[in-house]
Amino acid sequence: MSEIIAFQRAGRKDDVVWAVVATVGRALRIAEIYPARPAAMADRDWREQQVRAYASFLRQTRQPVPRYSVAPIRRADLPRAWRPLPALGFLRGQFI
């Protein structure tokens, strides 16, 4: 048997997840990850709605307002000690 058999990597598609990314100034933090883009978009929309609801409080306390976006990310690129960002953690200064 001198035949060469090529195997395809089965886990390659599963290696990519959708991340909700929180940004304050130059600081970026992955808030949450999801296997599907629609779930990440729904989470991003909910987080933005929460920021709008607390906009006056953020202005009064002079806290920076986080901005949220959705981006694909490989699981291997997640920091080892990554933990989800609490949805309202920005109210208690838990962004970083």
PDB file of N, CA and C in Angstrom:
ATOM      1  N   MET A   1       0.825  -1.176   0.000  1.00  0.00           N
ATOM      2  CA  MET A   1       0.000   0.000   0.000  1.00  0.00           C
ATOM      3  C   MET A   1       0.869   1.238   0.000  1.00  0.00           C
ATOM      4  N   SER A   2       1.090   1.806  -1.129  1.00  0.00           N
ATOM      5  CA  SER A   2       1.866   3.032  -1.240  1.00  0.00           C
ATOM      6  C   SER A   2       0.988   4.213  -1.631  1.00  0.00           C
ATOM      7  N   GLU A   3      -0.268   4.103  -1.360  1.00  0.00           N
ATOM      8  CA  GLU A   3      -1.211   5.152  -1.707  1.00  0.00           C
ATOM      9  C   GLU A   3      -1.265   6.201  -0.593  1.00  0.00           C
ATOM     10  N   ILE A   4      -1.261   7.478  -0.964  1.00  0.00           N
ATOM     11  CA  ILE A   4      -1.336   8.569   0.007  1.00  0.00           C
ATOM     12  C   ILE A   4      -2.789   9.003   0.130  1.00  0.00           C
ATOM     13  N   ILE A   5      -3.242   9.059   1.355  1.00  0.00           N
ATOM     14  CA  ILE A   5      -4.618   9.467   1.611  1.00  0.00           C
ATOM     15  C   ILE A   5      -4.578  10.812   2.327  1.00  0.00           C
ATOM     16  N   ALA A   6      -5.266  11.783   1.771  1.00  0.00           N
ATOM     17  CA  ALA A   6      -5.311  13.123   2.374  1.00  0.00           C
ATOM     18  C   ALA A   6      -6.534  13.224   3.279  1.00  0.00           C
ATOM     19  N   PHE A   7      -6.306  13.681   4.505  1.00  0.00           N
ATOM     20  CA  PHE A   7      -7.393  13.894   5.454  1.00  0.00           C
ATOM     21  C   PHE A   7      -7.654  15.383   5.588  1.00  0.00           C
ATOM     22  N   GLN A   8      -8.917  15.742   5.655  1.00  0.00           N
ATOM     23  CA  GLN A   8      -9.263  17.130   5.883  1.00  0.00           C
ATOM     24  C   GLN A   8      -9.507  17.321   7.369  1.00  0.00           C
ATOM     25  N   ARG A   9      -9.167  18.493   7.846  1.00  0.00           N
ATOM     26  CA  ARG A   9      -9.388  18.794   9.258  1.00  0.00           C
ATOM     27  C   ARG A   9     -10.873  19.042   9.484  1.00  0.00           C
ATOM     28  N   ALA A  10     -11.472  18.199  10.267  1.00  0.00           N
ATOM     29  CA  ALA A  10     -12.910  18.298  10.509  1.00  0.00           C
ATOM     30  C   ALA A  10     -13.264  19.442  11.449  1.00  0.00           C
ATOM     31  N   GLY A  11     -12.403  19.767  12.392  1.00  0.00           N
ATOM     32  CA  GLY A  11     -12.712  20.761  13.401  1.00  0.00           C
ATOM     33  C   GLY A  11     -12.473  22.194  12.990  1.00  0.00           C
ATOM     34  N   ARG A  12     -12.082  22.439  11.787  1.00  0.00           N
ATOM     35  CA  ARG A  12     -11.721  23.786  11.370  1.00  0.00           C
ATOM     36  C   ARG A  12     -12.891  24.761  11.419  1.00  0.00           C
ATOM     37  N   LYS A  13     -14.056  24.359  10.956  1.00  0.00           N
ATOM     38  CA  LYS A  13     -15.213  25.246  10.983  1.00  0.00           C
ATOM     39  C   LYS A  13     -15.664  25.507  12.421  1.00  0.00           C
ATOM     40  N   ASP A  14     -15.566  24.490  13.260  1.00  0.00           N
ATOM     41  CA  ASP A  14     -15.978  24.632  14.654  1.00  0.00           C
ATOM     42  C   ASP A  14     -15.009  25.486  15.459  1.00  0.00           C
ATOM     43  N   ASP A  15     -13.852  25.783  14.897  1.00  0.00           N
ATOM     44  CA  ASP A  15     -12.845  26.562  15.602  1.00  0.00           C
ATOM     45  C   ASP A  15     -13.226  28.045  15.667  1.00  0.00           C
ATOM     46  N   VAL A  16     -14.130  28.487  14.805  1.00  0.00           N
ATOM     47  CA  VAL A  16     -14.515  29.897  14.755  1.00  0.00           C
ATOM     48  C   VAL A  16     -15.827  30.092  15.513  1.00  0.00           C
ATOM     49  N   VAL A  17     -15.827  31.079  16.408  1.00  0.00           N
ATOM     50  CA  VAL A  17     -17.030  31.461  17.146  1.00  0.00           C
ATOM     51  C   VAL A  17     -17.261  32.951  16.919  1.00  0.00           C
ATOM     52  N   TRP A  18     -18.417  33.421  17.288  1.00  0.00           N
ATOM     53  CA  TRP A  18     -18.759  34.835  17.144  1.00  0.00           C
ATOM     54  C   TRP A  18     -18.628  35.509  18.496  1.00  0.00           C
ATOM     55  N   ALA A  19     -17.869  36.575  18.549  1.00  0.00           N
ATOM     56  CA  ALA A  19     -17.607  37.281  19.799  1.00  0.00           C
ATOM     57  C   ALA A  19     -18.303  38.627  19.817  1.00  0.00           C
ATOM     58  N   VAL A  20     -18.883  38.955  20.961  1.00  0.00           N
ATOM     59  CA  VAL A  20     -19.391  40.298  21.214  1.00  0.00           C
ATOM     60  C   VAL A  20     -18.229  41.033  21.863  1.00  0.00           C
ATOM     61  N   VAL A  21     -17.732  42.069  21.201  1.00  0.00           N
ATOM     62  CA  VAL A  21     -16.538  42.781  21.642  1.00  0.00           C
ATOM     63  C   VAL A  21     -16.949  44.131  22.221  1.00  0.00           C
ATOM     64  N   ALA A  22     -16.518  44.391  23.453  1.00  0.00           N
ATOM     65  CA  ALA A  22     -16.773  45.677  24.109  1.00  0.00           C
ATOM     66  C   ALA A  22     -15.533  46.546  23.947  1.00  0.00           C
ATOM     67  N   THR A  23     -15.748  47.815  23.582  1.00  0.00           N
ATOM     68  CA  THR A  23     -14.651  48.744  23.378  1.00  0.00           C
ATOM     69  C   THR A  23     -14.883  50.005  24.195  1.00  0.00           C
ATOM     70  N   VAL A  24     -13.864  50.400  24.947  1.00  0.00           N
ATOM     71  CA  VAL A  24     -13.866  51.677  25.652  1.00  0.00           C
ATOM     72  C   VAL A  24     -12.517  52.309  25.344  1.00  0.00           C
ATOM     73  N   GLY A  25     -12.548  53.394  24.575  1.00  0.00           N
ATOM     74  CA  GLY A  25     -11.294  54.004  24.146  1.00  0.00           C
ATOM     75  C   GLY A  25     -10.504  53.028  23.299  1.00  0.00           C
ATOM     76  N   ARG A  26      -9.274  52.759  23.707  1.00  0.00           N
ATOM     77  CA  ARG A  26      -8.443  51.786  22.992  1.00  0.00           C
ATOM     78  C   ARG A  26      -8.521  50.384  23.576  1.00  0.00           C
ATOM     79  N   ALA A  27      -9.181  50.256  24.708  1.00  0.00           N
ATOM     80  CA  ALA A  27      -9.284  48.956  25.373  1.00  0.00           C
ATOM     81  C   ALA A  27     -10.390  48.120  24.735  1.00  0.00           C
ATOM     82  N   LEU A  28     -10.051  46.888  24.394  1.00  0.00           N
ATOM     83  CA  LEU A  28     -11.004  45.933  23.836  1.00  0.00           C
ATOM     84  C   LEU A  28     -11.139  44.774  24.803  1.00  0.00           C
ATOM     85  N   ARG A  29     -12.353  44.270  24.930  1.00  0.00           N
ATOM     86  CA  ARG A  29     -12.572  43.098  25.771  1.00  0.00           C
ATOM     87  C   ARG A  29     -13.665  42.258  25.150  1.00  0.00           C
ATOM     88  N   ILE A  30     -13.450  40.965  25.104  1.00  0.00           N
ATOM     89  CA  ILE A  30     -14.461  40.061  24.579  1.00  0.00           C
ATOM     90  C   ILE A  30     -15.503  39.860  25.677  1.00  0.00           C
ATOM     91  N   ALA A  31     -16.706  40.337  25.414  1.00  0.00           N
ATOM     92  CA  ALA A  31     -17.766  40.283  26.418  1.00  0.00           C
ATOM     93  C   ALA A  31     -18.383  38.894  26.502  1.00  0.00           C
ATOM     94  N   GLU A  32     -18.610  38.263  25.347  1.00  0.00           N
ATOM     95  CA  GLU A  32     -19.258  36.955  25.320  1.00  0.00           C
ATOM     96  C   GLU A  32     -18.976  36.302  23.982  1.00  0.00           C
ATOM     97  N   ILE A  33     -19.071  34.987  23.910  1.00  0.00           N
ATOM     98  CA  ILE A  33     -18.899  34.279  22.644  1.00  0.00           C
ATOM     99  C   ILE A  33     -20.122  33.402  22.386  1.00  0.00           C
ATOM    100  N   TYR A  34     -20.415  33.207  21.100  1.00  0.00           N
ATOM    101  CA  TYR A  34     -21.558  32.410  20.679  1.00  0.00           C
ATOM    102  C   TYR A  34     -21.163  31.580  19.462  1.00  0.00           C
ATOM    103  N   PRO A  35     -21.784  30.410  19.287  1.00  0.00           N
ATOM    104  CA  PRO A  35     -21.473  29.587  18.111  1.00  0.00           C
ATOM    105  C   PRO A  35     -22.088  30.131  16.824  1.00  0.00           C
ATOM    106  N   ALA A  36     -23.125  30.973  16.936  1.00  0.00           N
ATOM    107  CA  ALA A  36     -23.815  31.490  15.750  1.00  0.00           C
ATOM    108  C   ALA A  36     -23.880  33.010  15.791  1.00  0.00           C
ATOM    109  N   ARG A  37     -23.780  33.621  14.620  1.00  0.00           N
ATOM    110  CA  ARG A  37     -23.797  35.083  14.517  1.00  0.00           C
ATOM    111  C   ARG A  37     -25.110  35.710  14.988  1.00  0.00           C
ATOM    112  N   PRO A  38     -26.279  35.144  14.659  1.00  0.00           N
ATOM    113  CA  PRO A  38     -27.527  35.771  15.131  1.00  0.00           C
ATOM    114  C   PRO A  38     -27.608  35.884  16.656  1.00  0.00           C
ATOM    115  N   ALA A  39     -27.117  34.903  17.363  1.00  0.00           N
ATOM    116  CA  ALA A  39     -27.131  34.962  18.833  1.00  0.00           C
ATOM    117  C   ALA A  39     -26.211  36.072  19.327  1.00  0.00           C
ATOM    118  N   ALA A  40     -25.058  36.221  18.690  1.00  0.00           N
ATOM    119  CA  ALA A  40     -24.124  37.288  19.071  1.00  0.00           C
ATOM    120  C   ALA A  40     -24.719  38.661  18.769  1.00  0.00           C
ATOM    121  N   MET A  41     -25.412  38.791  17.645  1.00  0.00           N
ATOM    122  CA  MET A  41     -26.043  40.060  17.293  1.00  0.00           C
ATOM    123  C   MET A  41     -27.147  40.415  18.294  1.00  0.00           C
ATOM    124  N   ALA A  42     -27.910  39.428  18.720  1.00  0.00           N
ATOM    125  CA  ALA A  42     -28.965  39.673  19.703  1.00  0.00           C
ATOM    126  C   ALA A  42     -28.365  40.118  21.032  1.00  0.00           C
ATOM    127  N   ASP A  43     -27.271  39.499  21.445  1.00  0.00           N
ATOM    128  CA  ASP A  43     -26.610  39.897  22.691  1.00  0.00           C
ATOM    129  C   ASP A  43     -26.051  41.309  22.579  1.00  0.00           C
ATOM    130  N   ARG A  44     -25.445  41.616  21.439  1.00  0.00           N
ATOM    131  CA  ARG A  44     -24.915  42.968  21.224  1.00  0.00           C
ATOM    132  C   ARG A  44     -26.022  44.007  21.303  1.00  0.00           C
ATOM    133  N   ASP A  45     -27.152  43.722  20.659  1.00  0.00           N
ATOM    134  CA  ASP A  45     -28.288  44.654  20.684  1.00  0.00           C
ATOM    135  C   ASP A  45     -28.794  44.855  22.108  1.00  0.00           C
ATOM    136  N   TRP A  46     -28.873  43.759  22.874  1.00  0.00           N
ATOM    137  CA  TRP A  46     -29.337  43.865  24.253  1.00  0.00           C
ATOM    138  C   TRP A  46     -28.368  44.687  25.094  1.00  0.00           C
ATOM    139  N   ARG A  47     -27.067  44.473  24.929  1.00  0.00           N
ATOM    140  CA  ARG A  47     -26.066  45.239  25.685  1.00  0.00           C
ATOM    141  C   ARG A  47     -26.125  46.720  25.315  1.00  0.00           C
ATOM    142  N   GLU A  48     -26.311  47.042  24.037  1.00  0.00           N
ATOM    143  CA  GLU A  48     -26.426  48.436  23.624  1.00  0.00           C
ATOM    144  C   GLU A  48     -27.681  49.080  24.227  1.00  0.00           C
ATOM    145  N   GLN A  49     -28.757  48.320  24.305  1.00  0.00           N
ATOM    146  CA  GLN A  49     -29.992  48.830  24.905  1.00  0.00           C
ATOM    147  C   GLN A  49     -29.765  49.131  26.384  1.00  0.00           C
ATOM    148  N   GLN A  50     -29.014  48.290  27.076  1.00  0.00           N
ATOM    149  CA  GLN A  50     -28.719  48.522  28.489  1.00  0.00           C
ATOM    150  C   GLN A  50     -27.871  49.778  28.673  1.00  0.00           C
ATOM    151  N   VAL A  51     -26.913  49.994  27.776  1.00  0.00           N
ATOM    152  CA  VAL A  51     -26.080  51.204  27.849  1.00  0.00           C
ATOM    153  C   VAL A  51     -26.948  52.438  27.648  1.00  0.00           C
ATOM    154  N   ARG A  52     -27.874  52.389  26.678  1.00  0.00           N
ATOM    155  CA  ARG A  52     -28.779  53.525  26.453  1.00  0.00           C
ATOM    156  C   ARG A  52     -29.655  53.783  27.685  1.00  0.00           C
ATOM    157  N   ALA A  53     -30.107  52.712  28.336  1.00  0.00           N
ATOM    158  CA  ALA A  53     -30.958  52.861  29.510  1.00  0.00           C
ATOM    159  C   ALA A  53     -30.219  53.541  30.661  1.00  0.00           C
ATOM    160  N   TYR A  54     -28.915  53.336  30.750  1.00  0.00           N
ATOM    161  CA  TYR A  54     -28.128  53.915  31.841  1.00  0.00           C
ATOM    162  C   TYR A  54     -27.261  55.088  31.375  1.00  0.00           C
ATOM    163  N   ALA A  55     -27.587  55.678  30.234  1.00  0.00           N
ATOM    164  CA  ALA A  55     -26.770  56.757  29.665  1.00  0.00           C
ATOM    165  C   ALA A  55     -26.652  57.952  30.609  1.00  0.00           C
ATOM    166  N   SER A  56     -27.745  58.364  31.229  1.00  0.00           N
ATOM    167  CA  SER A  56     -27.678  59.526  32.119  1.00  0.00           C
ATOM    168  C   SER A  56     -26.814  59.221  33.347  1.00  0.00           C
ATOM    169  N   PHE A  57     -26.917  58.012  33.881  1.00  0.00           N
ATOM    170  CA  PHE A  57     -26.075  57.621  35.014  1.00  0.00           C
ATOM    171  C   PHE A  57     -24.595  57.646  34.623  1.00  0.00           C
ATOM    172  N   LEU A  58     -24.285  57.147  33.440  1.00  0.00           N
ATOM    173  CA  LEU A  58     -22.891  57.131  32.978  1.00  0.00           C
ATOM    174  C   LEU A  58     -22.355  58.547  32.813  1.00  0.00           C
ATOM    175  N   ARG A  59     -23.191  59.460  32.315  1.00  0.00           N
ATOM    176  CA  ARG A  59     -22.757  60.857  32.169  1.00  0.00           C
ATOM    177  C   ARG A  59     -22.506  61.491  33.535  1.00  0.00           C
ATOM    178  N   GLN A  60     -23.397  61.235  34.493  1.00  0.00           N
ATOM    179  CA  GLN A  60     -23.252  61.816  35.826  1.00  0.00           C
ATOM    180  C   GLN A  60     -21.992  61.328  36.532  1.00  0.00           C
ATOM    181  N   THR A  61     -21.671  60.071  36.375  1.00  0.00           N
ATOM    182  CA  THR A  61     -20.498  59.511  37.050  1.00  0.00           C
ATOM    183  C   THR A  61     -19.228  59.621  36.205  1.00  0.00           C
ATOM    184  N   ARG A  62     -19.364  60.214  35.025  1.00  0.00           N
ATOM    185  CA  ARG A  62     -18.238  60.412  34.100  1.00  0.00           C
ATOM    186  C   ARG A  62     -17.514  59.114  33.756  1.00  0.00           C
ATOM    187  N   GLN A  63     -18.281  58.055  33.613  1.00  0.00           N
ATOM    188  CA  GLN A  63     -17.720  56.775  33.179  1.00  0.00           C
ATOM    189  C   GLN A  63     -17.770  56.715  31.663  1.00  0.00           C
ATOM    190  N   PRO A  64     -16.750  56.121  31.050  1.00  0.00           N
ATOM    191  CA  PRO A  64     -16.784  55.984  29.595  1.00  0.00           C
ATOM    192  C   PRO A  64     -17.877  55.006  29.168  1.00  0.00           C
ATOM    193  N   VAL A  65     -18.464  55.280  28.044  1.00  0.00           N
ATOM    194  CA  VAL A  65     -19.547  54.450  27.522  1.00  0.00           C
ATOM    195  C   VAL A  65     -18.950  53.361  26.634  1.00  0.00           C
ATOM    196  N   PRO A  66     -19.210  52.093  26.942  1.00  0.00           N
ATOM    197  CA  PRO A  66     -18.698  51.023  26.084  1.00  0.00           C
ATOM    198  C   PRO A  66     -19.482  50.944  24.781  1.00  0.00           C
ATOM    199  N   ARG A  67     -18.789  50.550  23.741  1.00  0.00           N
ATOM    200  CA  ARG A  67     -19.415  50.301  22.440  1.00  0.00           C
ATOM    201  C   ARG A  67     -19.260  48.812  22.156  1.00  0.00           C
ATOM    202  N   TYR A  68     -20.262  48.232  21.552  1.00  0.00           N
ATOM    203  CA  TYR A  68     -20.263  46.795  21.298  1.00  0.00           C
ATOM    204  C   TYR A  68     -20.290  46.517  19.808  1.00  0.00           C
ATOM    205  N   SER A  69     -19.562  45.483  19.411  1.00  0.00           N
ATOM    206  CA  SER A  69     -19.559  45.029  18.027  1.00  0.00           C
ATOM    207  C   SER A  69     -19.491  43.505  18.027  1.00  0.00           C
ATOM    208  N   VAL A  70     -19.695  42.915  16.859  1.00  0.00           N
ATOM    209  CA  VAL A  70     -19.648  41.461  16.708  1.00  0.00           C
ATOM    210  C   VAL A  70     -18.570  41.138  15.689  1.00  0.00           C
ATOM    211  N   ALA A  71     -17.733  40.151  16.025  1.00  0.00           N
ATOM    212  CA  ALA A  71     -16.645  39.757  15.127  1.00  0.00           C
ATOM    213  C   ALA A  71     -16.387  38.260  15.263  1.00  0.00           C
ATOM    214  N   PRO A  72     -15.982  37.618  14.166  1.00  0.00           N
ATOM    215  CA  PRO A  72     -15.602  36.203  14.280  1.00  0.00           C
ATOM    216  C   PRO A  72     -14.235  36.108  14.965  1.00  0.00           C
ATOM    217  N   ILE A  73     -14.053  35.072  15.752  1.00  0.00           N
ATOM    218  CA  ILE A  73     -12.786  34.874  16.451  1.00  0.00           C
ATOM    219  C   ILE A  73     -12.543  33.370  16.566  1.00  0.00           C
ATOM    220  N   ARG A  74     -11.289  33.008  16.492  1.00  0.00           N
ATOM    221  CA  ARG A  74     -10.944  31.594  16.678  1.00  0.00           C
ATOM    222  C   ARG A  74     -10.858  31.305  18.174  1.00  0.00           C
ATOM    223  N   ARG A  75     -11.263  30.137  18.565  1.00  0.00           N
ATOM    224  CA  ARG A  75     -11.180  29.752  19.984  1.00  0.00           C
ATOM    225  C   ARG A  75      -9.742  29.832  20.488  1.00  0.00           C
ATOM    226  N   ALA A  76      -8.796  29.522  19.624  1.00  0.00           N
ATOM    227  CA  ALA A  76      -7.387  29.560  20.018  1.00  0.00           C
ATOM    228  C   ALA A  76      -6.928  30.979  20.344  1.00  0.00           C
ATOM    229  N   ASP A  77      -7.616  31.997  19.829  1.00  0.00           N
ATOM    230  CA  ASP A  77      -7.238  33.394  20.079  1.00  0.00           C
ATOM    231  C   ASP A  77      -7.823  33.951  21.376  1.00  0.00           C
ATOM    232  N   LEU A  78      -8.692  33.200  22.037  1.00  0.00           N
ATOM    233  CA  LEU A  78      -9.230  33.650  23.322  1.00  0.00           C
ATOM    234  C   LEU A  78      -8.128  33.579  24.378  1.00  0.00           C
ATOM    235  N   PRO A  79      -8.015  34.603  25.208  1.00  0.00           N
ATOM    236  CA  PRO A  79      -7.031  34.530  26.298  1.00  0.00           C
ATOM    237  C   PRO A  79      -7.344  33.349  27.221  1.00  0.00           C
ATOM    238  N   ARG A  80      -6.313  32.755  27.793  1.00  0.00           N
ATOM    239  CA  ARG A  80      -6.504  31.580  28.662  1.00  0.00           C
ATOM    240  C   ARG A  80      -7.430  31.869  29.830  1.00  0.00           C
ATOM    241  N   ALA A  81      -7.290  33.001  30.446  1.00  0.00           N
ATOM    242  CA  ALA A  81      -8.086  33.330  31.630  1.00  0.00           C
ATOM    243  C   ALA A  81      -9.355  34.110  31.270  1.00  0.00           C
ATOM    244  N   TRP A  82      -9.831  33.987  30.043  1.00  0.00           N
ATOM    245  CA  TRP A  82     -10.999  34.750  29.612  1.00  0.00           C
ATOM    246  C   TRP A  82     -12.232  34.347  30.412  1.00  0.00           C
ATOM    247  N   ARG A  83     -12.974  35.348  30.820  1.00  0.00           N
ATOM    248  CA  ARG A  83     -14.263  35.165  31.484  1.00  0.00           C
ATOM    249  C   ARG A  83     -15.250  36.119  30.824  1.00  0.00           C
ATOM    250  N   PRO A  84     -16.521  35.732  30.741  1.00  0.00           N
ATOM    251  CA  PRO A  84     -17.511  36.642  30.157  1.00  0.00           C
ATOM    252  C   PRO A  84     -17.598  37.944  30.947  1.00  0.00           C
ATOM    253  N   LEU A  85     -17.816  39.026  30.231  1.00  0.00           N
ATOM    254  CA  LEU A  85     -17.986  40.341  30.848  1.00  0.00           C
ATOM    255  C   LEU A  85     -19.425  40.464  31.333  1.00  0.00           C
ATOM    256  N   PRO A  86     -19.641  40.785  32.615  1.00  0.00           N
ATOM    257  CA  PRO A  86     -21.029  40.942  33.080  1.00  0.00           C
ATOM    258  C   PRO A  86     -21.748  41.992  32.242  1.00  0.00           C
ATOM    259  N   ALA A  87     -22.993  41.728  31.923  1.00  0.00           N
ATOM    260  CA  ALA A  87     -23.748  42.628  31.052  1.00  0.00           C
ATOM    261  C   ALA A  87     -23.772  44.054  31.576  1.00  0.00           C
ATOM    262  N   LEU A  88     -23.922  44.223  32.866  1.00  0.00           N
ATOM    263  CA  LEU A  88     -23.945  45.572  33.447  1.00  0.00           C
ATOM    264  C   LEU A  88     -22.684  45.840  34.264  1.00  0.00           C
ATOM    265  N   GLY A  89     -21.623  45.128  33.977  1.00  0.00           N
ATOM    266  CA  GLY A  89     -20.369  45.314  34.702  1.00  0.00           C
ATOM    267  C   GLY A  89     -19.795  46.701  34.533  1.00  0.00           C
ATOM    268  N   PHE A  90     -20.114  47.366  33.414  1.00  0.00           N
ATOM    269  CA  PHE A  90     -19.588  48.732  33.200  1.00  0.00           C
ATOM    270  C   PHE A  90     -20.136  49.704  34.225  1.00  0.00           C
ATOM    271  N   LEU A  91     -21.252  49.366  34.867  1.00  0.00           N
ATOM    272  CA  LEU A  91     -21.810  50.256  35.892  1.00  0.00           C
ATOM    273  C   LEU A  91     -20.972  50.245  37.174  1.00  0.00           C
ATOM    274  N   ARG A  92     -20.253  49.155  37.381  1.00  0.00           N
ATOM    275  CA  ARG A  92     -19.421  49.047  38.584  1.00  0.00           C
ATOM    276  C   ARG A  92     -17.934  49.125  38.258  1.00  0.00           C
ATOM    277  N   GLY A  93     -17.597  49.612  37.085  1.00  0.00           N
ATOM    278  CA  GLY A  93     -16.196  49.750  36.706  1.00  0.00           C
ATOM    279  C   GLY A  93     -15.492  48.433  36.465  1.00  0.00           C
ATOM    280  N   GLN A  94     -16.223  47.405  36.040  1.00  0.00           N
ATOM    281  CA  GLN A  94     -15.633  46.092  35.826  1.00  0.00           C
ATOM    282  C   GLN A  94     -15.266  45.838  34.371  1.00  0.00           C
ATOM    283  N   PHE A  95     -15.024  46.900  33.624  1.00  0.00           N
ATOM    284  CA  PHE A  95     -14.709  46.697  32.210  1.00  0.00           C
ATOM    285  C   PHE A  95     -13.386  45.985  32.039  1.00  0.00           C
ATOM    286  N   ILE A  96     -12.383  46.416  32.780  1.00  0.00           N
ATOM    287  CA  ILE A  96     -11.052  45.808  32.624  1.00  0.00           C
ATOM    288  C   ILE A  96     -10.648  45.144  33.908  1.00  0.00           C
TER     289      ILE A  96
END
